[in-house]
Amino acid sequence: MGDLEQLAIKRYRKVKNELDAAVVAAGRSKGDVTLIGVTKTIDPTVVNAAIADGLSVIGENRVQEFLQKREQYHLNDVKVHFIGALQRNKVKCIIDLVDMIESVDSFELAQEISKRAVQCGKVMPILIEINIDRQTSKSGLMPECAEATIRSMAQLPGIAVRGLMCIPDPKQTPESFVRMQQLFLQIKKENIPGVLMEHLSMGMSGDYTQAVLYGATMVRVGRGIFGQRTVATPNQEYTV
């Protein structure tokens, strides 16, 4: 096992221990919060090291990258969540390869997921992305539009709305987490038919322990597990 693999295991254990401690400190049970390892630009051998040590959910950001790396992952008993911006014309490429799509930011995208899921004979769990800080650079529904749009999505076959997700402005937390928790609880209280508000996906490497205090049930950690890396591709250079 190489140095990067060993380092990923060490970091994974540190994050897992810190997450478990934060969950207990918040008066919750350890199993209440799922750790998602964000694998953008990370070599599959490094990801597999964390998987072998217990990482059970990975988060993929880019369709093409996922398709290129998928066969190299050790995915037995591991779930894959798509967490990045998803173009409607790419839904067909991943619909039968992922276990959840967290980044549903429009009714039109939900329609396409519905169409492709029905064709595959499956029901795709989705989370609705909220632009909680109204950032022009971020996608997601505006908070005031969330309930009405979710009610419309709930009528679509082949999808199951299971909660909300967000990518807050780091300068706005914990205020962003407070607003997300309030919105989540407000929509949950409505008991919308066909909607099961059980997941709130928020919190990343810099603030996942804080997110736990405000009801996060999923946290998405990349740098904290796999380190900050820059990977050159033929078209672009990415920093994780």
C-alpha atoms as a PDB file:
ATOM      1  CA  MET A   1       0.000   0.000   0.000  1.00  0.00           C
ATOM      2  CA  GLY A   2       1.389   3.382  -1.010  1.00  0.00           C
ATOM      3  CA  ASP A   3       1.742   6.553   1.029  1.00  0.00           C
ATOM      4  CA  LEU A   4      -1.374   8.194  -0.440  1.00  0.00           C
ATOM      5  CA  GLU A   5      -3.500   5.167   0.410  1.00  0.00           C
ATOM      6  CA  GLN A   6      -2.175   5.055   3.976  1.00  0.00           C
ATOM      7  CA  LEU A   7      -2.740   8.779   4.387  1.00  0.00           C
ATOM      8  CA  ALA A   8      -6.325   8.447   3.119  1.00  0.00           C
ATOM      9  CA  ILE A   9      -6.994   5.748   5.713  1.00  0.00           C
ATOM     10  CA  LYS A  10      -5.492   7.883   8.481  1.00  0.00           C
ATOM     11  CA  ARG A  11      -7.575  10.885   7.450  1.00  0.00           C
ATOM     12  CA  TYR A  12     -10.714   8.830   7.031  1.00  0.00           C
ATOM     13  CA  ARG A  13     -10.389   7.482  10.575  1.00  0.00           C
ATOM     14  CA  LYS A  14      -9.798  10.984  11.943  1.00  0.00           C
ATOM     15  CA  VAL A  15     -12.858  12.390  10.152  1.00  0.00           C
ATOM     16  CA  LYS A  16     -15.007   9.427  11.212  1.00  0.00           C
ATOM     17  CA  ASN A  17     -13.965   9.786  14.841  1.00  0.00           C
ATOM     18  CA  GLU A  18     -14.576  13.534  14.822  1.00  0.00           C
ATOM     19  CA  LEU A  19     -17.954  13.040  13.168  1.00  0.00           C
ATOM     20  CA  ASP A  20     -19.008  10.379  15.683  1.00  0.00           C
ATOM     21  CA  ALA A  21     -17.951  12.652  18.549  1.00  0.00           C
ATOM     22  CA  ALA A  22     -19.887  15.594  17.090  1.00  0.00           C
ATOM     23  CA  VAL A  23     -22.998  13.457  16.674  1.00  0.00           C
ATOM     24  CA  VAL A  24     -22.861  12.272  20.275  1.00  0.00           C
ATOM     25  CA  ALA A  25     -22.163  15.826  21.517  1.00  0.00           C
ATOM     26  CA  ALA A  26     -25.289  16.961  19.663  1.00  0.00           C
ATOM     27  CA  GLY A  27     -27.343  14.387  21.551  1.00  0.00           C
ATOM     28  CA  ARG A  28     -27.833  12.178  18.534  1.00  0.00           C
ATOM     29  CA  SER A  29     -26.977   8.561  17.747  1.00  0.00           C
ATOM     30  CA  LYS A  30     -23.853   7.707  15.734  1.00  0.00           C
ATOM     31  CA  GLY A  31     -25.854   6.142  12.934  1.00  0.00           C
ATOM     32  CA  ASP A  32     -27.858   9.338  12.424  1.00  0.00           C
ATOM     33  CA  VAL A  33     -25.274  10.933  10.118  1.00  0.00           C
ATOM     34  CA  THR A  34     -23.821   9.409   6.956  1.00  0.00           C
ATOM     35  CA  LEU A  35     -20.285  10.287   5.889  1.00  0.00           C
ATOM     36  CA  ILE A  36     -19.943  10.716   2.121  1.00  0.00           C
ATOM     37  CA  GLY A  37     -16.412  10.603   0.741  1.00  0.00           C
ATOM     38  CA  VAL A  38     -16.148  13.083  -2.138  1.00  0.00           C
ATOM     39  CA  THR A  39     -13.939  11.518  -4.794  1.00  0.00           C
ATOM     40  CA  LYS A  40     -13.546  14.322  -7.356  1.00  0.00           C
ATOM     41  CA  THR A  41     -10.137  13.963  -9.088  1.00  0.00           C
ATOM     42  CA  ILE A  42      -9.013  11.279  -6.607  1.00  0.00           C
ATOM     43  CA  ASP A  43      -7.297   8.147  -7.897  1.00  0.00           C
ATOM     44  CA  PRO A  44      -9.529   5.077  -7.477  1.00  0.00           C
ATOM     45  CA  THR A  45      -6.789   3.180  -5.615  1.00  0.00           C
ATOM     46  CA  VAL A  46      -6.829   5.869  -2.932  1.00  0.00           C
ATOM     47  CA  VAL A  47     -10.614   5.795  -2.751  1.00  0.00           C
ATOM     48  CA  ASN A  48     -10.541   2.012  -2.495  1.00  0.00           C
ATOM     49  CA  ALA A  49      -8.217   2.245   0.496  1.00  0.00           C
ATOM     50  CA  ALA A  50     -10.805   4.313   2.373  1.00  0.00           C
ATOM     51  CA  ILE A  51     -13.553   1.946   1.234  1.00  0.00           C
ATOM     52  CA  ALA A  52     -11.607  -1.022   2.589  1.00  0.00           C
ATOM     53  CA  ASP A  53     -11.361   0.809   5.916  1.00  0.00           C
ATOM     54  CA  GLY A  54     -15.116   1.367   6.136  1.00  0.00           C
ATOM     55  CA  LEU A  55     -16.172   4.230   3.868  1.00  0.00           C
ATOM     56  CA  SER A  56     -19.577   3.109   2.616  1.00  0.00           C
ATOM     57  CA  VAL A  57     -20.828   6.036   0.515  1.00  0.00           C
ATOM     58  CA  ILE A  58     -18.920   7.974  -2.139  1.00  0.00           C
ATOM     59  CA  GLY A  59     -19.977  11.210  -3.795  1.00  0.00           C
ATOM     60  CA  GLU A  60     -19.329  11.845  -7.473  1.00  0.00           C
ATOM     61  CA  ASN A  61     -19.318  15.331  -9.008  1.00  0.00           C
ATOM     62  CA  ARG A  62     -18.702  14.834 -12.710  1.00  0.00           C
ATOM     63  CA  VAL A  63     -20.427  12.354 -14.987  1.00  0.00           C
ATOM     64  CA  GLN A  64     -17.528  11.714 -17.356  1.00  0.00           C
ATOM     65  CA  GLU A  65     -15.006  11.298 -14.571  1.00  0.00           C
ATOM     66  CA  PHE A  66     -17.277   8.856 -12.764  1.00  0.00           C
ATOM     67  CA  LEU A  67     -17.819   6.785 -15.884  1.00  0.00           C
ATOM     68  CA  GLN A  68     -14.061   6.603 -16.432  1.00  0.00           C
ATOM     69  CA  LYS A  69     -13.292   5.575 -12.852  1.00  0.00           C
ATOM     70  CA  ARG A  70     -16.300   3.444 -11.974  1.00  0.00           C
ATOM     71  CA  GLU A  71     -14.908   0.065 -13.045  1.00  0.00           C
ATOM     72  CA  GLN A  72     -11.829   0.642 -10.894  1.00  0.00           C
ATOM     73  CA  TYR A  73     -13.794   1.238  -7.708  1.00  0.00           C
ATOM     74  CA  HIS A  74     -14.496  -1.580  -5.266  1.00  0.00           C
ATOM     75  CA  LEU A  75     -18.203  -0.915  -4.947  1.00  0.00           C
ATOM     76  CA  ASN A  76     -19.471  -4.038  -3.214  1.00  0.00           C
ATOM     77  CA  ASP A  77     -21.794  -2.773  -0.453  1.00  0.00           C
ATOM     78  CA  VAL A  78     -20.816   0.818  -1.308  1.00  0.00           C
ATOM     79  CA  LYS A  79     -23.413   3.374  -2.387  1.00  0.00           C
ATOM     80  CA  VAL A  80     -22.755   6.074  -4.956  1.00  0.00           C
ATOM     81  CA  HIS A  81     -24.387   9.487  -4.667  1.00  0.00           C
ATOM     82  CA  PHE A  82     -24.206  11.991  -7.509  1.00  0.00           C
ATOM     83  CA  ILE A  83     -23.619  15.349  -5.841  1.00  0.00           C
ATOM     84  CA  GLY A  84     -22.491  17.681  -8.634  1.00  0.00           C
ATOM     85  CA  ALA A  85     -24.210  19.813 -11.231  1.00  0.00           C
ATOM     86  CA  LEU A  86     -26.077  17.471 -13.548  1.00  0.00           C
ATOM     87  CA  GLN A  87     -27.073  18.366 -17.091  1.00  0.00           C
ATOM     88  CA  ARG A  88     -30.320  16.862 -18.297  1.00  0.00           C
ATOM     89  CA  ASN A  89     -28.640  15.222 -21.285  1.00  0.00           C
ATOM     90  CA  LYS A  90     -26.276  13.354 -18.938  1.00  0.00           C
ATOM     91  CA  VAL A  91     -28.974  11.802 -16.735  1.00  0.00           C
ATOM     92  CA  LYS A  92     -29.262   8.774 -19.010  1.00  0.00           C
ATOM     93  CA  CYS A  93     -25.550   8.050 -18.473  1.00  0.00           C
ATOM     94  CA  ILE A  94     -25.814   7.552 -14.716  1.00  0.00           C
ATOM     95  CA  ILE A  95     -29.438   6.668 -13.973  1.00  0.00           C
ATOM     96  CA  ASP A  96     -28.713   2.980 -13.499  1.00  0.00           C
ATOM     97  CA  LEU A  97     -25.286   3.485 -11.886  1.00  0.00           C
ATOM     98  CA  VAL A  98     -25.978   5.635  -8.821  1.00  0.00           C
ATOM     99  CA  ASP A  99     -28.036   5.136  -5.675  1.00  0.00           C
ATOM    100  CA  MET A 100     -29.095   8.756  -5.133  1.00  0.00           C
ATOM    101  CA  ILE A 101     -28.953  12.081  -6.956  1.00  0.00           C
ATOM    102  CA  GLU A 102     -28.483  14.849  -4.397  1.00  0.00           C
ATOM    103  CA  SER A 103     -28.182  17.836  -6.713  1.00  0.00           C
ATOM    104  CA  VAL A 104     -31.659  18.200  -8.235  1.00  0.00           C
ATOM    105  CA  ASP A 105     -31.949  21.930  -8.763  1.00  0.00           C
ATOM    106  CA  SER A 106     -34.987  22.304 -11.044  1.00  0.00           C
ATOM    107  CA  PHE A 107     -38.311  20.734 -11.928  1.00  0.00           C
ATOM    108  CA  GLU A 108     -37.028  20.147 -15.463  1.00  0.00           C
ATOM    109  CA  LEU A 109     -34.112  18.057 -14.161  1.00  0.00           C
ATOM    110  CA  ALA A 110     -36.520  16.092 -11.969  1.00  0.00           C
ATOM    111  CA  GLN A 111     -38.670  15.433 -15.044  1.00  0.00           C
ATOM    112  CA  GLU A 112     -35.699  14.013 -16.935  1.00  0.00           C
ATOM    113  CA  ILE A 113     -34.681  11.825 -13.993  1.00  0.00           C
ATOM    114  CA  SER A 114     -38.275  10.631 -13.760  1.00  0.00           C
ATOM    115  CA  LYS A 115     -38.366   9.767 -17.455  1.00  0.00           C
ATOM    116  CA  ARG A 116     -35.087   7.850 -17.392  1.00  0.00           C
ATOM    117  CA  ALA A 117     -35.860   6.076 -14.126  1.00  0.00           C
ATOM    118  CA  VAL A 118     -39.194   4.834 -15.467  1.00  0.00           C
ATOM    119  CA  GLN A 119     -37.411   3.530 -18.560  1.00  0.00           C
ATOM    120  CA  CYS A 120     -35.033   1.600 -16.281  1.00  0.00           C
ATOM    121  CA  GLY A 121     -37.836   0.306 -14.097  1.00  0.00           C
ATOM    122  CA  LYS A 122     -36.472   1.900 -10.943  1.00  0.00           C
ATOM    123  CA  VAL A 123     -37.293   4.616  -8.437  1.00  0.00           C
ATOM    124  CA  MET A 124     -34.458   7.097  -7.940  1.00  0.00           C
ATOM    125  CA  PRO A 125     -34.141   8.768  -4.526  1.00  0.00           C
ATOM    126  CA  ILE A 126     -33.364  12.459  -4.944  1.00  0.00           C
ATOM    127  CA  LEU A 127     -32.508  15.426  -2.759  1.00  0.00           C
ATOM    128  CA  ILE A 128     -33.520  18.940  -3.729  1.00  0.00           C
ATOM    129  CA  GLU A 129     -30.663  21.435  -3.906  1.00  0.00           C
ATOM    130  CA  ILE A 130     -31.419  24.746  -2.204  1.00  0.00           C
ATOM    131  CA  ASN A 131     -29.530  27.969  -2.923  1.00  0.00           C
ATOM    132  CA  ILE A 132     -29.790  28.903   0.712  1.00  0.00           C
ATOM    133  CA  ASP A 133     -27.561  31.993   0.466  1.00  0.00           C
ATOM    134  CA  ARG A 134     -28.913  33.201  -2.885  1.00  0.00           C
ATOM    135  CA  GLN A 135     -25.468  33.069  -4.493  1.00  0.00           C
ATOM    136  CA  THR A 136     -25.461  33.964  -8.173  1.00  0.00           C
ATOM    137  CA  SER A 137     -22.578  31.532  -8.716  1.00  0.00           C
ATOM    138  CA  LYS A 138     -24.502  28.581  -7.254  1.00  0.00           C
ATOM    139  CA  SER A 139     -27.368  26.510  -8.566  1.00  0.00           C
ATOM    140  CA  GLY A 140     -30.374  25.414  -6.558  1.00  0.00           C
ATOM    141  CA  LEU A 141     -33.934  26.447  -5.825  1.00  0.00           C
ATOM    142  CA  MET A 142     -34.581  29.640  -3.929  1.00  0.00           C
ATOM    143  CA  PRO A 143     -35.951  28.780  -0.481  1.00  0.00           C
ATOM    144  CA  GLU A 144     -39.336  30.383  -1.100  1.00  0.00           C
ATOM    145  CA  CYS A 145     -39.836  28.225  -4.203  1.00  0.00           C
ATOM    146  CA  ALA A 146     -38.889  24.939  -2.573  1.00  0.00           C
ATOM    147  CA  GLU A 147     -42.223  23.733  -1.206  1.00  0.00           C
ATOM    148  CA  ALA A 148     -44.267  24.383  -4.346  1.00  0.00           C
ATOM    149  CA  THR A 149     -41.624  22.810  -6.580  1.00  0.00           C
ATOM    150  CA  ILE A 150     -41.341  19.763  -4.338  1.00  0.00           C
ATOM    151  CA  ARG A 151     -45.112  19.325  -4.456  1.00  0.00           C
ATOM    152  CA  SER A 152     -44.893  19.258  -8.252  1.00  0.00           C
ATOM    153  CA  MET A 153     -41.938  16.863  -8.233  1.00  0.00           C
ATOM    154  CA  ALA A 154     -43.810  14.505  -5.937  1.00  0.00           C
ATOM    155  CA  GLN A 155     -46.297  13.889  -8.739  1.00  0.00           C
ATOM    156  CA  LEU A 156     -43.626  12.498 -11.051  1.00  0.00           C
ATOM    157  CA  PRO A 157     -43.184   8.714 -11.353  1.00  0.00           C
ATOM    158  CA  GLY A 158     -39.830   7.060 -10.932  1.00  0.00           C
ATOM    159  CA  ILE A 159     -38.426   9.474  -8.351  1.00  0.00           C
ATOM    160  CA  ALA A 160     -38.691   9.736  -4.585  1.00  0.00           C
ATOM    161  CA  VAL A 161     -37.998  13.052  -2.871  1.00  0.00           C
ATOM    162  CA  ARG A 162     -36.032  12.208   0.264  1.00  0.00           C
ATOM    163  CA  GLY A 163     -34.830  15.577   1.522  1.00  0.00           C
ATOM    164  CA  LEU A 164     -32.731  18.665   0.863  1.00  0.00           C
ATOM    165  CA  MET A 165     -29.106  19.515   0.205  1.00  0.00           C
ATOM    166  CA  CYS A 166     -27.107  22.733   0.017  1.00  0.00           C
ATOM    167  CA  ILE A 167     -23.662  24.166  -0.550  1.00  0.00           C
ATOM    168  CA  PRO A 168     -23.638  27.215   1.740  1.00  0.00           C
ATOM    169  CA  ASP A 169     -21.438  30.245   1.468  1.00  0.00           C
ATOM    170  CA  PRO A 170     -18.641  29.475   3.981  1.00  0.00           C
ATOM    171  CA  LYS A 171     -18.835  33.082   5.167  1.00  0.00           C
ATOM    172  CA  GLN A 172     -22.492  32.617   6.124  1.00  0.00           C
ATOM    173  CA  THR A 173     -22.304  29.511   8.303  1.00  0.00           C
ATOM    174  CA  PRO A 174     -23.741  28.750  10.819  1.00  0.00           C
ATOM    175  CA  GLU A 175     -26.521  31.116   9.744  1.00  0.00           C
ATOM    176  CA  SER A 176     -26.938  29.119   6.527  1.00  0.00           C
ATOM    177  CA  PHE A 177     -27.274  25.887   8.484  1.00  0.00           C
ATOM    178  CA  VAL A 178     -29.926  27.466  10.704  1.00  0.00           C
ATOM    179  CA  ARG A 179     -31.963  28.554   7.666  1.00  0.00           C
ATOM    180  CA  MET A 180     -31.595  25.146   6.019  1.00  0.00           C
ATOM    181  CA  GLN A 181     -32.723  23.330   9.142  1.00  0.00           C
ATOM    182  CA  GLN A 182     -35.746  25.629   9.445  1.00  0.00           C
ATOM    183  CA  LEU A 183     -36.694  25.057   5.797  1.00  0.00           C
ATOM    184  CA  PHE A 184     -36.216  21.311   6.129  1.00  0.00           C
ATOM    185  CA  LEU A 185     -38.429  21.122   9.220  1.00  0.00           C
ATOM    186  CA  GLN A 186     -41.031  23.414   7.652  1.00  0.00           C
ATOM    187  CA  ILE A 187     -41.381  21.213   4.557  1.00  0.00           C
ATOM    188  CA  LYS A 188     -41.287  18.042   6.636  1.00  0.00           C
ATOM    189  CA  LYS A 189     -44.167  19.368   8.734  1.00  0.00           C
ATOM    190  CA  GLU A 190     -46.299  19.703   5.606  1.00  0.00           C
ATOM    191  CA  ASN A 191     -46.358  15.890   5.150  1.00  0.00           C
ATOM    192  CA  ILE A 192     -46.470  16.253   1.371  1.00  0.00           C
ATOM    193  CA  PRO A 193     -47.823  13.023  -0.187  1.00  0.00           C
ATOM    194  CA  GLY A 194     -45.041  11.045  -1.806  1.00  0.00           C
ATOM    195  CA  VAL A 195     -42.314  13.018  -0.045  1.00  0.00           C
ATOM    196  CA  LEU A 196     -40.252  11.598   2.803  1.00  0.00           C
ATOM    197  CA  MET A 197     -38.121  14.357   4.279  1.00  0.00           C
ATOM    198  CA  GLU A 198     -35.520  12.209   5.981  1.00  0.00           C
ATOM    199  CA  HIS A 199     -32.203  13.585   4.720  1.00  0.00           C
ATOM    200  CA  LEU A 200     -30.512  16.953   5.078  1.00  0.00           C
ATOM    201  CA  SER A 201     -27.194  16.917   3.229  1.00  0.00           C
ATOM    202  CA  MET A 202     -24.953  19.804   4.269  1.00  0.00           C
ATOM    203  CA  GLY A 203     -21.521  20.278   5.733  1.00  0.00           C
ATOM    204  CA  MET A 204     -18.168  19.706   4.056  1.00  0.00           C
ATOM    205  CA  SER A 205     -14.525  19.377   5.091  1.00  0.00           C
ATOM    206  CA  GLY A 206     -14.359  22.720   6.863  1.00  0.00           C
ATOM    207  CA  ASP A 207     -17.657  22.630   8.735  1.00  0.00           C
ATOM    208  CA  TYR A 208     -19.097  19.103   8.892  1.00  0.00           C
ATOM    209  CA  THR A 209     -19.000  18.899  12.693  1.00  0.00           C
ATOM    210  CA  GLN A 210     -20.883  22.199  12.882  1.00  0.00           C
ATOM    211  CA  ALA A 211     -23.477  20.998  10.384  1.00  0.00           C
ATOM    212  CA  VAL A 212     -24.293  18.099  12.694  1.00  0.00           C
ATOM    213  CA  LEU A 213     -25.491  20.580  15.312  1.00  0.00           C
ATOM    214  CA  TYR A 214     -28.120  21.836  12.866  1.00  0.00           C
ATOM    215  CA  GLY A 215     -29.628  18.541  11.829  1.00  0.00           C
ATOM    216  CA  ALA A 216     -27.426  17.356   8.957  1.00  0.00           C
ATOM    217  CA  THR A 217     -27.980  13.663   8.235  1.00  0.00           C
ATOM    218  CA  MET A 218     -25.323  13.539   5.511  1.00  0.00           C
ATOM    219  CA  VAL A 219     -21.976  15.339   5.327  1.00  0.00           C
ATOM    220  CA  ARG A 220     -19.826  15.466   2.188  1.00  0.00           C
ATOM    221  CA  VAL A 221     -16.093  15.359   2.898  1.00  0.00           C
ATOM    222  CA  GLY A 222     -13.422  15.329   0.207  1.00  0.00           C
ATOM    223  CA  ARG A 223     -10.325  17.257   1.265  1.00  0.00           C
ATOM    224  CA  GLY A 224     -10.618  16.068   4.860  1.00  0.00           C
ATOM    225  CA  ILE A 225     -10.242  12.441   3.743  1.00  0.00           C
ATOM    226  CA  PHE A 226      -8.268  12.562   0.518  1.00  0.00           C
ATOM    227  CA  GLY A 227      -6.282  15.761   0.924  1.00  0.00           C
ATOM    228  CA  GLN A 228      -6.044  18.831  -1.272  1.00  0.00           C
ATOM    229  CA  ARG A 229      -4.788  17.778  -4.661  1.00  0.00           C
ATOM    230  CA  THR A 230      -4.488  19.373  -8.064  1.00  0.00           C
ATOM    231  CA  VAL A 231      -4.993  17.009 -10.979  1.00  0.00           C
ATOM    232  CA  ALA A 232      -4.337  18.030 -14.552  1.00  0.00           C
ATOM    233  CA  THR A 233      -6.705  16.803 -17.232  1.00  0.00           C
ATOM    234  CA  PRO A 234      -6.550  17.414 -20.997  1.00  0.00           C
ATOM    235  CA  ASN A 235      -9.069  20.237 -20.660  1.00  0.00           C
ATOM    236  CA  GLN A 236      -8.788  21.621 -17.188  1.00  0.00           C
ATOM    237  CA  GLU A 237      -6.942  21.638 -13.907  1.00  0.00           C
ATOM    238  CA  TYR A 238      -8.996  20.907 -10.815  1.00  0.00           C
ATOM    239  CA  THR A 239      -8.169  21.676  -7.197  1.00  0.00           C
ATOM    240  CA  VAL A 240     -10.008  19.583  -4.609  1.00  0.00           C
END
